[in-house]
């Protein structure tokens, strides 16, 4: 199957992306390319500086001091989340199905905006875990400065570690929140791995990977996510079908903007500025030491010259 995912600089296909990184491409990202879509690798301290050369990590999404205690949606604002399929029903329906294809672009995953869309969409993941629970404040400020909307895919681990930050992001009309899974596992009923991260391993575990975070976002933050992206963005065909059965759109991308937050700023800028109508880009907003923020800033300036509008996924 021919890949639809574009790595614009160096004319690479998605299949060559990891080898490109390991061979020293994109500014010699080296072994960090092993996390090319996991967003869980902590980057070297030398990458942490902003455009002014100073490291920046304000405590909240707005850069102000954190509020006292985590925020929670008021009970009156909480949507009643009730999946249209129980775990028992899901297991009965899908357990005997063959997993089918496994990867980024298997049938049923949406990659681009709907046919005829004139804009592009920027999506950013926050993966959570030991090396993925920080916040790229500089990137969020770049998006705000450019008044650029974005869809933020949030893993439950990241949400639990950043309740106040997530509350602020939800309140900002530029952003919409999407589901990036519960444990950040590839959605594979056979347990297939991606970048060394084991898949869910069963229909029941795949169900929990989707539903538990969907419920958490709804009950704790009054968010009803419409899109789902699995950990590492890898899914098998049963996982895709289950996701759609649960009423969510399995969403990936056509342009890899930052290669798991390992691309330097120049490469990120090239990726962003070369996006065409209908493209969906993937980046990460949980790695403040990466080149993503500066690259997106430069890329958006060039993209604006083309007249292409940036939209949220739900607005396309």
Protein backbone atom coordinates (compact mmCIF):
# COMPACT_ATOMS: atom_id res chain seq x y z
CA UNK A 1 0.00 0.00 0.00
CA UNK A 2 1.38 3.39 -0.92
CA UNK A 3 1.75 5.77 1.97
CA UNK A 4 -0.33 8.95 1.98
CA UNK A 5 1.65 10.50 4.82
CA UNK A 6 4.05 13.17 3.63
CA UNK A 7 7.33 14.13 5.17
CA UNK A 8 7.87 17.15 3.01
CA UNK A 9 11.50 17.93 3.66
CA UNK A 10 13.81 15.49 1.86
CA UNK A 11 10.78 14.06 0.06
CA UNK A 12 10.45 11.16 2.46
CA UNK A 13 7.55 8.75 2.74
CA UNK A 14 6.31 7.66 6.15
CA UNK A 15 7.97 4.27 5.70
CA UNK A 16 11.38 5.93 5.38
CA UNK A 17 10.91 8.36 8.26
CA UNK A 18 12.42 6.21 11.00
CA UNK A 19 15.47 5.23 8.93
CA UNK A 20 15.95 8.88 8.00
CA UNK A 21 16.14 9.78 11.68
CA UNK A 22 18.44 6.91 12.59
CA UNK A 23 20.82 7.79 9.77
CA UNK A 24 21.16 11.33 11.08
CA UNK A 25 18.59 13.18 8.95
CA UNK A 26 16.51 16.16 10.09
CA UNK A 27 19.36 17.68 12.03
CA UNK A 28 20.81 14.34 13.17
CA UNK A 29 17.99 13.45 15.55
CA UNK A 30 19.57 10.00 15.87
CA UNK A 31 18.06 7.50 18.29
CA UNK A 32 15.35 9.95 19.28
CA UNK A 33 13.74 8.92 16.01
CA UNK A 34 12.81 5.65 17.72
CA UNK A 35 10.01 7.62 19.37
CA UNK A 36 8.94 9.04 16.02
CA UNK A 37 5.26 9.07 16.86
CA UNK A 38 5.22 8.22 20.55
CA UNK A 39 6.12 11.72 21.79
CA UNK A 40 7.40 10.13 24.99
CA UNK A 41 11.15 10.67 24.68
CA UNK A 42 12.53 13.47 26.83
CA UNK A 43 14.79 15.66 24.72
CA UNK A 44 18.27 16.96 25.62
CA UNK A 45 18.48 20.08 27.77
CA UNK A 46 20.20 21.98 24.96
CA UNK A 47 16.99 21.90 22.93
CA UNK A 48 14.94 23.61 25.62
CA UNK A 49 15.70 27.21 24.80
CA UNK A 50 13.20 29.54 23.27
CA UNK A 51 13.81 31.96 20.41
CA UNK A 52 15.49 34.31 22.90
CA UNK A 53 17.81 31.55 24.13
CA UNK A 54 16.07 31.20 27.48
CA UNK A 55 14.35 28.11 28.79
CA UNK A 56 10.70 28.73 29.50
CA UNK A 57 8.22 26.68 31.52
CA UNK A 58 5.43 28.79 33.01
CA UNK A 59 3.16 26.99 35.39
CA UNK A 60 -0.09 27.40 33.49
CA UNK A 61 -1.25 27.52 29.89
CA UNK A 62 -1.52 31.29 30.12
CA UNK A 63 1.94 31.62 31.69
CA UNK A 64 0.59 32.79 35.05
CA UNK A 65 1.03 31.17 38.43
CA UNK A 66 -1.04 28.03 38.94
CA UNK A 67 -4.38 28.30 40.65
CA UNK A 68 -4.72 26.67 44.05
CA UNK A 69 -5.70 23.07 43.48
CA UNK A 70 -6.82 21.34 40.30
CA UNK A 71 -9.93 22.53 38.52
CA UNK A 72 -12.84 20.22 37.83
CA UNK A 73 -15.90 20.74 35.71
CA UNK A 74 -18.93 21.58 37.81
CA UNK A 75 -21.43 18.74 38.20
CA UNK A 76 -24.05 20.70 36.27
CA UNK A 77 -21.66 20.95 33.31
CA UNK A 78 -20.72 17.27 33.21
CA UNK A 79 -22.16 15.47 30.18
CA UNK A 80 -23.60 12.05 30.89
CA UNK A 81 -21.19 9.72 29.15
CA UNK A 82 -22.66 6.37 28.26
CA UNK A 83 -20.95 4.32 25.54
CA UNK A 84 -23.34 2.84 23.01
CA UNK A 85 -21.61 -0.52 23.39
CA UNK A 86 -20.63 -2.32 26.58
CA UNK A 87 -17.28 -4.10 26.92
CA UNK A 88 -19.09 -7.43 26.96
CA UNK A 89 -20.97 -6.55 23.78
CA UNK A 90 -17.79 -5.32 22.10
CA UNK A 91 -15.99 -8.55 22.95
CA UNK A 92 -18.85 -10.64 21.62
CA UNK A 93 -18.96 -8.67 18.37
CA UNK A 94 -15.25 -8.30 17.62
CA UNK A 95 -13.32 -11.07 19.43
CA UNK A 96 -13.47 -13.56 16.58
CA UNK A 97 -12.48 -11.10 13.86
CA UNK A 98 -9.01 -11.25 12.37
CA UNK A 99 -6.95 -8.17 13.31
CA UNK A 100 -6.30 -7.33 9.66
CA UNK A 101 -3.79 -4.65 8.73
CA UNK A 102 -1.86 -2.78 11.43
CA UNK A 103 -0.31 0.64 10.98
CA UNK A 104 -0.92 4.34 10.46
CA UNK A 105 -3.09 4.17 7.37
CA UNK A 106 -5.24 1.04 7.61
CA UNK A 107 -8.70 1.15 6.05
CA UNK A 108 -11.17 3.09 8.17
CA UNK A 109 -8.69 5.59 9.63
CA UNK A 110 -9.33 9.15 8.50
CA UNK A 111 -6.11 10.80 7.35
CA UNK A 112 -7.09 14.04 5.64
CA UNK A 113 -9.89 16.57 5.99
CA UNK A 114 -13.15 15.75 4.19
CA UNK A 115 -13.07 15.89 0.41
CA UNK A 116 -13.32 19.43 -0.88
CA UNK A 117 -11.92 21.05 2.26
CA UNK A 118 -10.00 24.22 1.48
CA UNK A 119 -8.16 24.54 4.77
CA UNK A 120 -5.62 22.52 6.73
CA UNK A 121 -5.75 21.24 10.29
CA UNK A 122 -2.97 21.20 12.89
CA UNK A 123 -3.20 18.47 15.52
CA UNK A 124 -0.90 18.06 18.51
CA UNK A 125 -0.58 15.10 20.89
CA UNK A 126 0.17 14.99 24.61
CA UNK A 127 1.17 11.43 25.43
CA UNK A 128 1.74 11.48 29.19
CA UNK A 129 3.94 9.09 31.13
CA UNK A 130 7.36 9.54 32.68
CA UNK A 131 8.82 11.43 29.71
CA UNK A 132 5.69 12.82 28.10
CA UNK A 133 3.80 14.78 30.75
CA UNK A 134 5.24 18.25 30.29
CA UNK A 135 3.72 21.17 28.38
CA UNK A 136 5.21 23.14 25.51
CA UNK A 137 4.01 26.56 26.65
CA UNK A 138 5.94 28.27 23.87
CA UNK A 139 4.02 26.30 21.25
CA UNK A 140 0.66 27.22 22.78
CA UNK A 141 1.66 30.89 22.81
CA UNK A 142 2.77 30.64 19.18
CA UNK A 143 -0.66 29.32 18.22
CA UNK A 144 -2.34 32.08 20.20
CA UNK A 145 -0.14 34.77 18.69
CA UNK A 146 -1.02 33.60 15.18
CA UNK A 147 -4.66 33.07 16.23
CA UNK A 148 -4.28 29.55 14.84
CA UNK A 149 -6.82 26.93 15.95
CA UNK A 150 -5.67 23.41 16.72
CA UNK A 151 -7.01 20.04 17.83
CA UNK A 152 -5.21 18.74 20.92
CA UNK A 153 -5.16 14.96 21.42
CA UNK A 154 -4.87 14.33 25.16
CA UNK A 155 -3.89 11.04 26.81
CA UNK A 156 -5.41 10.33 30.21
CA UNK A 157 -1.99 10.17 31.87
CA UNK A 158 -1.20 13.69 30.65
CA UNK A 159 -4.62 14.95 31.73
CA UNK A 160 -4.19 13.57 35.23
CA UNK A 161 -0.78 15.24 35.53
CA UNK A 162 -1.94 18.59 34.14
CA UNK A 163 -5.50 19.19 35.31
CA UNK A 164 -5.18 22.96 35.64
CA UNK A 165 -3.40 23.32 32.29
CA UNK A 166 -6.01 21.22 30.53
CA UNK A 167 -8.81 23.24 32.10
CA UNK A 168 -7.24 26.41 30.68
CA UNK A 169 -6.80 24.88 27.23
CA UNK A 170 -10.42 23.74 27.19
CA UNK A 171 -11.53 27.28 28.02
CA UNK A 172 -9.60 28.73 25.06
CA UNK A 173 -11.86 28.82 21.96
CA UNK A 174 -8.85 28.31 19.70
CA UNK A 175 -8.52 24.71 20.83
CA UNK A 176 -10.62 21.57 20.83
CA UNK A 177 -9.77 18.45 22.82
CA UNK A 178 -9.64 14.95 21.35
CA UNK A 179 -9.02 11.48 22.83
CA UNK A 180 -5.44 10.14 22.73
CA UNK A 181 -6.16 7.01 24.72
CA UNK A 182 -5.92 5.87 28.30
CA UNK A 183 -2.45 4.29 28.54
CA UNK A 184 -1.05 5.45 25.17
CA UNK A 185 -1.05 1.96 23.68
CA UNK A 186 -1.29 1.10 19.99
CA UNK A 187 -4.80 -0.19 19.34
CA UNK A 188 -4.05 -3.80 18.42
CA UNK A 189 -6.22 -6.69 19.53
CA UNK A 190 -3.28 -9.03 18.78
CA UNK A 191 -0.86 -6.96 20.86
CA UNK A 192 1.31 -5.77 17.97
CA UNK A 193 3.97 -3.24 18.92
CA UNK A 194 4.90 0.15 17.48
CA UNK A 195 8.24 1.80 18.37
CA UNK A 196 8.63 -0.81 21.12
CA UNK A 197 5.31 0.07 22.76
CA UNK A 198 3.07 -3.03 23.15
CA UNK A 199 -0.43 -2.95 21.72
CA UNK A 200 -3.59 -3.40 23.75
CA UNK A 201 -3.66 -7.18 23.20
CA UNK A 202 -7.41 -7.89 23.26
CA UNK A 203 -10.77 -6.42 22.32
CA UNK A 204 -11.50 -5.72 26.00
CA UNK A 205 -8.21 -3.84 26.44
CA UNK A 206 -8.77 -1.90 23.21
CA UNK A 207 -12.23 -0.97 24.50
CA UNK A 208 -10.74 0.34 27.75
CA UNK A 209 -8.05 2.27 25.87
CA UNK A 210 -10.77 4.22 24.10
CA UNK A 211 -13.63 4.36 26.58
CA UNK A 212 -11.86 5.00 29.89
CA UNK A 213 -10.26 8.19 28.62
CA UNK A 214 -13.44 9.24 26.85
CA UNK A 215 -15.30 8.86 30.15
CA UNK A 216 -12.55 10.60 32.12
CA UNK A 217 -12.54 13.64 29.83
CA UNK A 218 -16.32 13.82 29.98
CA UNK A 219 -16.74 13.42 33.71
CA UNK A 220 -13.77 15.47 34.88
CA UNK A 221 -13.65 18.22 32.24
CA UNK A 222 -17.06 18.19 30.51
CA UNK A 223 -15.34 17.33 27.21
CA UNK A 224 -17.08 15.13 24.68
CA UNK A 225 -14.30 14.20 22.28
CA UNK A 226 -15.25 13.37 18.70
CA UNK A 227 -11.88 12.11 17.45
CA UNK A 228 -9.57 9.35 18.68
CA UNK A 229 -5.88 8.79 17.97
CA UNK A 230 -4.20 5.78 19.54
CA UNK A 231 -0.82 5.82 21.22
CA UNK A 232 1.83 5.92 18.43
CA UNK A 233 -1.10 6.44 16.00
CA UNK A 234 -1.00 2.73 15.11
CA UNK A 235 -4.21 0.71 14.93
CA UNK A 236 -5.41 -2.55 13.44
CA UNK A 237 -8.62 -2.95 11.50
CA UNK A 238 -10.55 -4.39 14.45
CA UNK A 239 -9.47 -1.45 16.60
CA UNK A 240 -10.59 0.96 13.89
CA UNK A 241 -13.98 -0.74 13.58
CA UNK A 242 -14.42 -0.74 17.36
CA UNK A 243 -13.57 2.95 17.53
CA UNK A 244 -16.16 3.81 14.92
CA UNK A 245 -18.74 1.56 16.59
CA UNK A 246 -18.22 3.61 19.76
CA UNK A 247 -19.03 6.77 17.82
CA UNK A 248 -15.53 8.23 17.50
CA UNK A 249 -13.57 9.01 14.33
CA UNK A 250 -10.14 7.29 14.28
CA UNK A 251 -8.00 10.22 13.13
CA UNK A 252 -4.41 10.26 11.91
CA UNK A 253 -2.66 12.64 9.51
CA UNK A 254 -1.16 13.33 6.11
CA UNK A 255 1.83 15.43 7.19
CA UNK A 256 4.22 14.54 10.03
CA UNK A 257 5.20 17.96 11.34
CA UNK A 258 7.73 17.05 14.05
CA UNK A 259 8.47 13.29 13.99
CA UNK A 260 7.55 12.70 17.62
CA UNK A 261 9.03 16.07 18.64
CA UNK A 262 12.46 15.06 17.26
CA UNK A 263 12.69 17.33 14.20
CA UNK A 264 14.67 20.56 14.55
CA UNK A 265 12.83 23.84 14.04
CA UNK A 266 13.92 24.20 10.41
CA UNK A 267 12.43 20.83 9.47
CA UNK A 268 9.20 21.53 11.34
CA UNK A 269 8.89 24.87 9.52
CA UNK A 270 9.31 23.14 6.17
CA UNK A 271 6.64 20.59 7.02
CA UNK A 272 4.11 23.21 8.14
CA UNK A 273 4.71 25.71 5.35
CA UNK A 274 4.30 23.06 2.63
CA UNK A 275 0.87 21.87 3.77
CA UNK A 276 -1.84 21.88 1.11
CA UNK A 277 -5.62 22.15 1.27
CA UNK A 278 -7.06 19.09 2.99
CA UNK A 279 -3.88 18.19 4.87
CA UNK A 280 -3.85 17.22 8.54
CA UNK A 281 -0.56 17.69 10.39
CA UNK A 282 0.59 15.89 13.54
CA UNK A 283 2.91 17.38 16.14
CA UNK A 284 3.34 17.28 19.92
CA UNK A 285 2.65 19.84 22.63
CA UNK A 286 4.21 17.88 25.50
CA UNK A 287 7.91 18.31 24.66
CA UNK A 288 9.07 21.85 25.54
CA UNK A 289 12.70 21.04 24.69
CA UNK A 290 11.83 20.25 21.07
CA UNK A 291 12.02 22.44 17.97
CA UNK A 292 8.27 22.21 17.44
CA UNK A 293 7.29 25.65 18.75
CA UNK A 294 9.87 27.63 16.79
CA UNK A 295 9.26 25.54 13.69
CA UNK A 296 5.49 26.00 13.83
CA UNK A 297 6.01 29.75 14.29
CA UNK A 298 8.15 30.00 11.17
CA UNK A 299 5.95 27.63 9.19
CA UNK A 300 2.74 29.48 9.99
CA UNK A 301 4.24 32.76 8.78
CA UNK A 302 4.98 31.17 5.41
CA UNK A 303 1.68 29.29 5.29
CA UNK A 304 -0.20 32.55 5.81
CA UNK A 305 1.31 33.88 2.58
CA UNK A 306 -0.43 31.09 0.65
CA UNK A 307 -3.86 32.14 1.87
CA UNK A 308 -4.66 28.68 3.23
CA UNK A 309 -6.84 28.78 6.34
CA UNK A 310 -6.12 26.65 9.40
CA UNK A 311 -9.17 24.99 10.97
CA UNK A 312 -10.04 22.64 13.80
CA UNK A 313 -11.00 19.12 12.79
CA UNK A 314 -14.62 19.66 13.78
CA UNK A 315 -14.78 22.85 11.71
CA UNK A 316 -13.64 21.28 8.43
